[in-house]
Amino acid sequence: MCRWAAYLGEPIYLEDIISRPGHSLVRQSHGAMRCHTPVNADGFGIAWYGDRAEPGLYRDVMPAWSDPNLRSLTATVRSHLFMAHVRASTGTATSRNNCHPFAVGRWSFMHNGQFGGYDGWRRSAEVLIRDDLYPHRKGATDSEALFLCALGEGLAEDPCAALARATARFEALARSRGAAPHVRVTCAFSDGERLYAARYASDDQAPTLYHRWSDTRGGRAVVSEPLELDEADWLEIPQGSFCVFEGERVSVTPFAPQPDRVAA
């Protein structure tokens, strides 16, 4: 499993989330505490929004703790909305194209979780990607395939419904041709204006997800694990939830993909 963190609010230096806190994302890359794999060393990535509609993107295969370029970038770049990810592969190769976040146009996406037995039905998952979106398929992960499928399902028009339909299609394949656990997912994505997140599993073991507003930063962090171990005001997002973060506003609604209503 991977770890990730996202931020929306007043512009801050990326390091204020990614590397400076006591349990920052960089620290989680070699010492995660709320997942089965404490070391997440199979690459990392950042997507951040600035003056342009499309996000900046930096990804590499090095462990996050050992890349001096990451330290320099996060110490000098400020953004009002950014996402960062440290990867622990569930089977696909350690390559830059498999590192999160993924970006298409103004959209960026990152994911933590798994679809059971994905290697056995990966070809069928690829078929779910719309033809005009398939040229954006650069890697081999289930995460990128889910993102592209969701874009084709109408992510720009109805993010919750589109992600639910895409997840349901993948879950149907996992149930019919894969293995348990069929789905364990937390993901975050953005169009540069709002931040979206979902937490879902086909069992009761969805990966952890929290959020917290900071008056000091003037913004909200959405994370796999709290960034400070001594802060008690992090709010856990319930399993089966879809969240929309916009300014100080938070909307949490049910997220319930229905794999029984799609063809496997």
Protein backbone atom coordinates (compact mmCIF):
# COMPACT_ATOMS: atom_id res chain seq x y z
CA MET A 1 0.00 0.00 0.00
CA CYS A 2 1.07 3.58 -0.62
CA ARG A 3 0.79 6.82 1.36
CA TRP A 4 -0.35 10.19 0.08
CA ALA A 5 -1.18 13.73 1.14
CA ALA A 6 -3.09 16.57 -0.48
CA TYR A 7 -3.62 20.23 0.38
CA LEU A 8 -6.12 22.95 -0.54
CA GLY A 9 -6.11 26.50 0.84
CA GLU A 10 -3.91 29.56 1.02
CA PRO A 11 -0.65 29.09 -0.92
CA ILE A 12 2.04 27.39 1.15
CA TYR A 13 5.41 25.85 0.43
CA LEU A 14 5.05 22.21 -0.56
CA GLU A 15 7.48 21.24 2.20
CA ASP A 16 4.93 22.33 4.83
CA ILE A 17 3.03 19.12 4.07
CA ILE A 18 5.55 16.90 2.31
CA SER A 19 8.68 17.11 4.46
CA ARG A 20 8.55 19.48 7.47
CA PRO A 21 5.87 17.97 9.78
CA GLY A 22 6.96 15.43 12.37
CA HIS A 23 5.18 12.62 10.50
CA SER A 24 5.39 14.16 7.03
CA LEU A 25 4.86 12.23 3.83
CA VAL A 26 8.63 11.82 3.43
CA ARG A 27 8.81 10.30 6.91
CA GLN A 28 5.91 8.02 6.02
CA SER A 29 7.87 6.81 3.00
CA HIS A 30 10.20 4.94 5.39
CA GLY A 31 8.09 4.75 8.54
CA ALA A 32 4.35 4.55 7.83
CA MET A 33 2.32 3.50 10.86
CA ARG A 34 -1.22 2.87 9.61
CA CYS A 35 -0.73 0.41 6.78
CA HIS A 36 0.70 -3.06 6.23
CA THR A 37 3.82 -1.81 4.46
CA PRO A 38 5.79 0.73 6.55
CA VAL A 39 8.29 1.34 3.73
CA ASN A 40 7.05 3.04 0.55
CA ALA A 41 10.18 3.22 -1.58
CA ASP A 42 8.96 2.42 -5.12
CA GLY A 43 8.98 6.01 -6.32
CA PHE A 44 7.14 9.22 -5.52
CA GLY A 45 5.45 12.12 -7.22
CA ILE A 46 3.91 15.57 -6.82
CA ALA A 47 1.25 17.42 -8.82
CA TRP A 48 0.73 21.09 -8.03
CA TYR A 49 -1.42 23.89 -9.42
CA GLY A 50 -0.22 27.43 -10.07
CA ASP A 51 -1.17 30.17 -12.52
CA ARG A 52 -2.05 27.79 -15.33
CA ALA A 53 -4.95 25.36 -15.59
CA GLU A 54 -2.78 22.28 -15.98
CA PRO A 55 -0.75 21.04 -12.99
CA GLY A 56 2.99 20.83 -12.71
CA LEU A 57 4.16 17.25 -12.33
CA TYR A 58 7.36 15.80 -10.85
CA ARG A 59 7.83 12.04 -10.47
CA ASP A 60 10.81 9.76 -10.01
CA VAL A 61 11.65 6.19 -9.05
CA MET A 62 13.96 7.08 -6.18
CA PRO A 63 12.73 6.77 -2.59
CA ALA A 64 11.33 10.12 -1.51
CA TRP A 65 13.79 10.41 1.38
CA SER A 66 16.86 10.24 -0.88
CA ASP A 67 16.10 12.70 -3.68
CA PRO A 68 17.77 16.12 -3.20
CA ASN A 69 15.72 17.54 -6.09
CA LEU A 70 12.55 16.84 -4.11
CA ARG A 71 13.89 18.71 -1.10
CA SER A 72 14.83 21.69 -3.25
CA LEU A 73 11.54 21.76 -5.14
CA THR A 74 9.34 21.53 -2.06
CA ALA A 75 11.34 24.25 -0.29
CA THR A 76 10.89 26.79 -3.10
CA VAL A 77 7.53 26.05 -4.77
CA ARG A 78 4.32 27.46 -3.29
CA SER A 79 0.85 26.27 -4.28
CA HIS A 80 -2.76 26.60 -3.16
CA LEU A 81 -3.58 23.03 -4.26
CA PHE A 82 -1.22 20.10 -4.53
CA MET A 83 -1.05 16.33 -4.16
CA ALA A 84 1.91 14.13 -3.25
CA HIS A 85 2.34 10.35 -3.22
CA VAL A 86 4.92 7.78 -2.09
CA ARG A 87 4.54 4.38 -3.71
CA ALA A 88 4.67 0.80 -2.51
CA SER A 89 4.07 -1.32 -5.58
CA THR A 90 1.43 -4.06 -5.47
CA GLY A 91 3.01 -5.83 -8.44
CA THR A 92 3.75 -3.49 -11.34
CA ALA A 93 7.27 -2.32 -12.12
CA THR A 94 9.07 0.53 -10.42
CA SER A 95 9.13 3.05 -13.24
CA ARG A 96 8.42 6.76 -13.64
CA ASN A 97 5.29 6.04 -15.68
CA ASN A 98 3.90 3.99 -12.79
CA CYS A 99 4.47 6.71 -10.20
CA HIS A 100 1.55 8.81 -9.03
CA PRO A 101 0.01 11.35 -9.43
CA PHE A 102 -1.21 10.94 -13.00
CA ALA A 103 -2.35 13.95 -15.01
CA VAL A 104 -4.53 14.50 -18.07
CA GLY A 105 -5.30 18.09 -19.01
CA ARG A 106 -6.30 19.95 -15.87
CA TRP A 107 -7.05 16.73 -13.96
CA SER A 108 -4.64 15.01 -11.58
CA PHE A 109 -5.21 11.73 -9.72
CA MET A 110 -3.49 9.52 -7.14
CA HIS A 111 -4.51 6.29 -5.47
CA ASN A 112 -3.69 3.99 -2.59
CA GLY A 113 -5.08 0.48 -2.61
CA GLN A 114 -5.52 -2.54 -4.81
CA PHE A 115 -7.86 -4.50 -7.04
CA GLY A 116 -7.52 -8.21 -6.35
CA GLY A 117 -5.79 -10.31 -8.99
CA TYR A 118 -5.34 -7.35 -11.34
CA ASP A 119 -2.67 -9.05 -13.45
CA GLY A 120 -5.23 -11.69 -14.44
CA TRP A 121 -7.70 -9.19 -15.90
CA ARG A 122 -5.55 -6.20 -16.80
CA ARG A 123 -6.31 -6.57 -20.50
CA SER A 124 -10.04 -6.38 -19.78
CA ALA A 125 -9.49 -3.26 -17.69
CA GLU A 126 -7.61 -1.62 -20.55
CA VAL A 127 -10.64 -2.15 -22.80
CA LEU A 128 -12.66 0.05 -20.44
CA ILE A 129 -10.50 3.08 -21.33
CA ARG A 130 -12.14 5.18 -24.02
CA ASP A 131 -10.24 5.29 -27.32
CA ASP A 132 -9.59 9.04 -27.23
CA LEU A 133 -8.14 8.71 -23.71
CA TYR A 134 -6.01 5.64 -24.32
CA PRO A 135 -2.99 7.61 -25.65
CA HIS A 136 -2.63 8.89 -22.07
CA ARG A 137 -2.04 5.33 -20.84
CA LYS A 138 1.71 5.41 -20.18
CA GLY A 139 2.18 2.88 -17.38
CA ALA A 140 0.79 -0.47 -16.28
CA THR A 141 -0.92 0.27 -12.95
CA ASP A 142 -4.53 -0.33 -12.02
CA SER A 143 -4.52 3.22 -10.61
CA GLU A 144 -3.84 4.92 -13.95
CA ALA A 145 -6.35 2.66 -15.68
CA LEU A 146 -9.01 3.54 -13.08
CA PHE A 147 -8.32 7.26 -13.58
CA LEU A 148 -8.63 7.06 -17.36
CA CYS A 149 -11.76 4.94 -17.09
CA ALA A 150 -13.30 7.50 -14.70
CA LEU A 151 -12.47 10.32 -17.12
CA GLY A 152 -14.33 8.42 -19.81
CA GLU A 153 -17.28 7.91 -17.45
CA GLY A 154 -17.70 11.69 -17.10
CA LEU A 155 -15.38 12.81 -14.31
CA ALA A 156 -15.67 16.44 -15.42
CA GLU A 157 -19.48 16.42 -15.28
CA ASP A 158 -20.17 14.34 -12.14
CA PRO A 159 -16.98 13.30 -10.31
CA CYS A 160 -18.67 11.07 -7.72
CA ALA A 161 -20.87 9.18 -10.17
CA ALA A 162 -18.06 8.78 -12.71
CA LEU A 163 -15.61 7.38 -10.16
CA ALA A 164 -18.31 5.09 -8.76
CA ARG A 165 -19.06 3.68 -12.23
CA ALA A 166 -15.37 3.15 -12.98
CA THR A 167 -14.77 1.50 -9.60
CA ALA A 168 -17.82 -0.72 -10.08
CA ARG A 169 -16.50 -1.91 -13.44
CA PHE A 170 -13.13 -2.76 -11.92
CA GLU A 171 -14.73 -4.46 -8.94
CA ALA A 172 -16.91 -6.58 -11.23
CA LEU A 173 -13.79 -7.78 -13.02
CA ALA A 174 -12.00 -8.49 -9.75
CA ARG A 175 -14.96 -10.49 -8.45
CA SER A 176 -15.37 -12.55 -11.61
CA ARG A 177 -11.75 -13.04 -12.67
CA GLY A 178 -9.54 -11.88 -9.82
CA ALA A 179 -9.07 -12.58 -6.14
CA ALA A 180 -9.98 -11.23 -2.73
CA PRO A 181 -9.68 -8.59 -1.48
CA HIS A 182 -11.55 -7.38 -4.55
CA VAL A 183 -11.26 -3.65 -3.87
CA ARG A 184 -9.49 -1.49 -1.32
CA VAL A 185 -9.29 2.13 -2.41
CA THR A 186 -8.53 5.60 -1.21
CA CYS A 187 -7.92 8.14 -3.93
CA ALA A 188 -7.67 11.88 -4.39
CA PHE A 189 -8.06 13.92 -7.55
CA SER A 190 -8.51 17.51 -8.61
CA ASP A 191 -9.44 19.79 -11.49
CA GLY A 192 -7.33 22.62 -10.07
CA GLU A 193 -10.29 24.22 -8.28
CA ARG A 194 -11.67 21.56 -5.97
CA LEU A 195 -10.11 18.58 -4.25
CA TYR A 196 -11.98 15.29 -4.28
CA ALA A 197 -11.34 12.13 -2.28
CA ALA A 198 -12.95 8.72 -1.88
CA ARG A 199 -12.56 5.86 0.57
CA TYR A 200 -14.07 2.48 -0.27
CA ALA A 201 -13.52 -1.27 0.05
CA SER A 202 -15.43 -4.43 -0.83
CA ASP A 203 -14.61 -5.67 2.69
CA ASP A 204 -14.20 -3.68 5.90
CA GLN A 205 -10.51 -2.88 5.37
CA ALA A 206 -10.43 0.34 3.34
CA PRO A 207 -7.09 2.16 3.62
CA THR A 208 -7.06 4.97 6.17
CA LEU A 209 -7.96 8.56 5.29
CA TYR A 210 -8.07 11.74 7.39
CA HIS A 211 -8.53 15.48 6.98
CA ARG A 212 -7.86 18.56 9.09
CA TRP A 213 -8.26 22.32 8.75
CA SER A 214 -5.30 24.42 9.91
CA ASP A 215 -5.81 28.08 10.85
CA THR A 216 -2.04 28.52 10.78
CA ARG A 217 -1.76 27.41 7.16
CA GLY A 218 -5.16 28.71 6.14
CA GLY A 219 -5.96 25.45 4.43
CA ARG A 220 -6.92 21.80 4.72
CA ALA A 221 -4.76 18.69 4.47
CA VAL A 222 -6.23 15.36 3.36
CA VAL A 223 -3.88 12.50 4.18
CA SER A 224 -3.38 8.77 4.54
CA GLU A 225 -1.93 9.37 8.01
CA PRO A 226 -1.94 12.40 10.34
CA LEU A 227 1.08 14.62 9.77
CA GLU A 228 1.73 15.15 13.48
CA LEU A 229 1.37 12.27 15.91
CA ASP A 230 0.45 14.55 18.84
CA GLU A 231 -2.48 16.27 17.08
CA ALA A 232 -5.82 14.84 18.15
CA ASP A 233 -8.12 16.87 15.89
CA TRP A 234 -7.65 14.93 12.67
CA LEU A 235 -11.02 13.70 11.40
CA GLU A 236 -11.23 10.19 9.96
CA ILE A 237 -13.22 9.91 6.75
CA PRO A 238 -15.66 6.97 7.06
CA GLN A 239 -15.39 4.00 4.74
CA GLY A 240 -17.80 4.29 1.83
CA SER A 241 -17.45 8.08 1.52
CA PHE A 242 -16.93 10.59 -1.27
CA CYS A 243 -15.59 14.00 -0.25
CA VAL A 244 -15.51 17.38 -1.94
CA PHE A 245 -13.19 20.03 -0.47
CA GLU A 246 -13.66 23.61 -1.66
CA GLY A 247 -12.23 26.44 0.43
CA GLU A 248 -13.26 25.78 4.02
CA ARG A 249 -16.30 23.79 2.91
CA VAL A 250 -16.37 20.01 3.19
CA SER A 251 -19.02 17.74 1.71
CA VAL A 252 -19.07 14.05 2.63
CA THR A 253 -21.60 11.81 0.86
CA PRO A 254 -21.98 8.03 0.48
CA PHE A 255 -19.80 6.31 -2.10
CA ALA A 256 -21.32 2.99 -3.10
CA PRO A 257 -20.20 1.49 -6.43
CA GLN A 258 -22.54 -1.23 -7.65
CA PRO A 259 -20.57 -3.93 -9.46
CA ASP A 260 -23.66 -6.11 -9.82
CA ARG A 261 -25.07 -3.59 -12.30
CA VAL A 262 -22.18 -3.70 -14.76
CA ALA A 263 -20.92 -6.46 -17.03
CA ALA A 264 -17.65 -8.07 -15.98
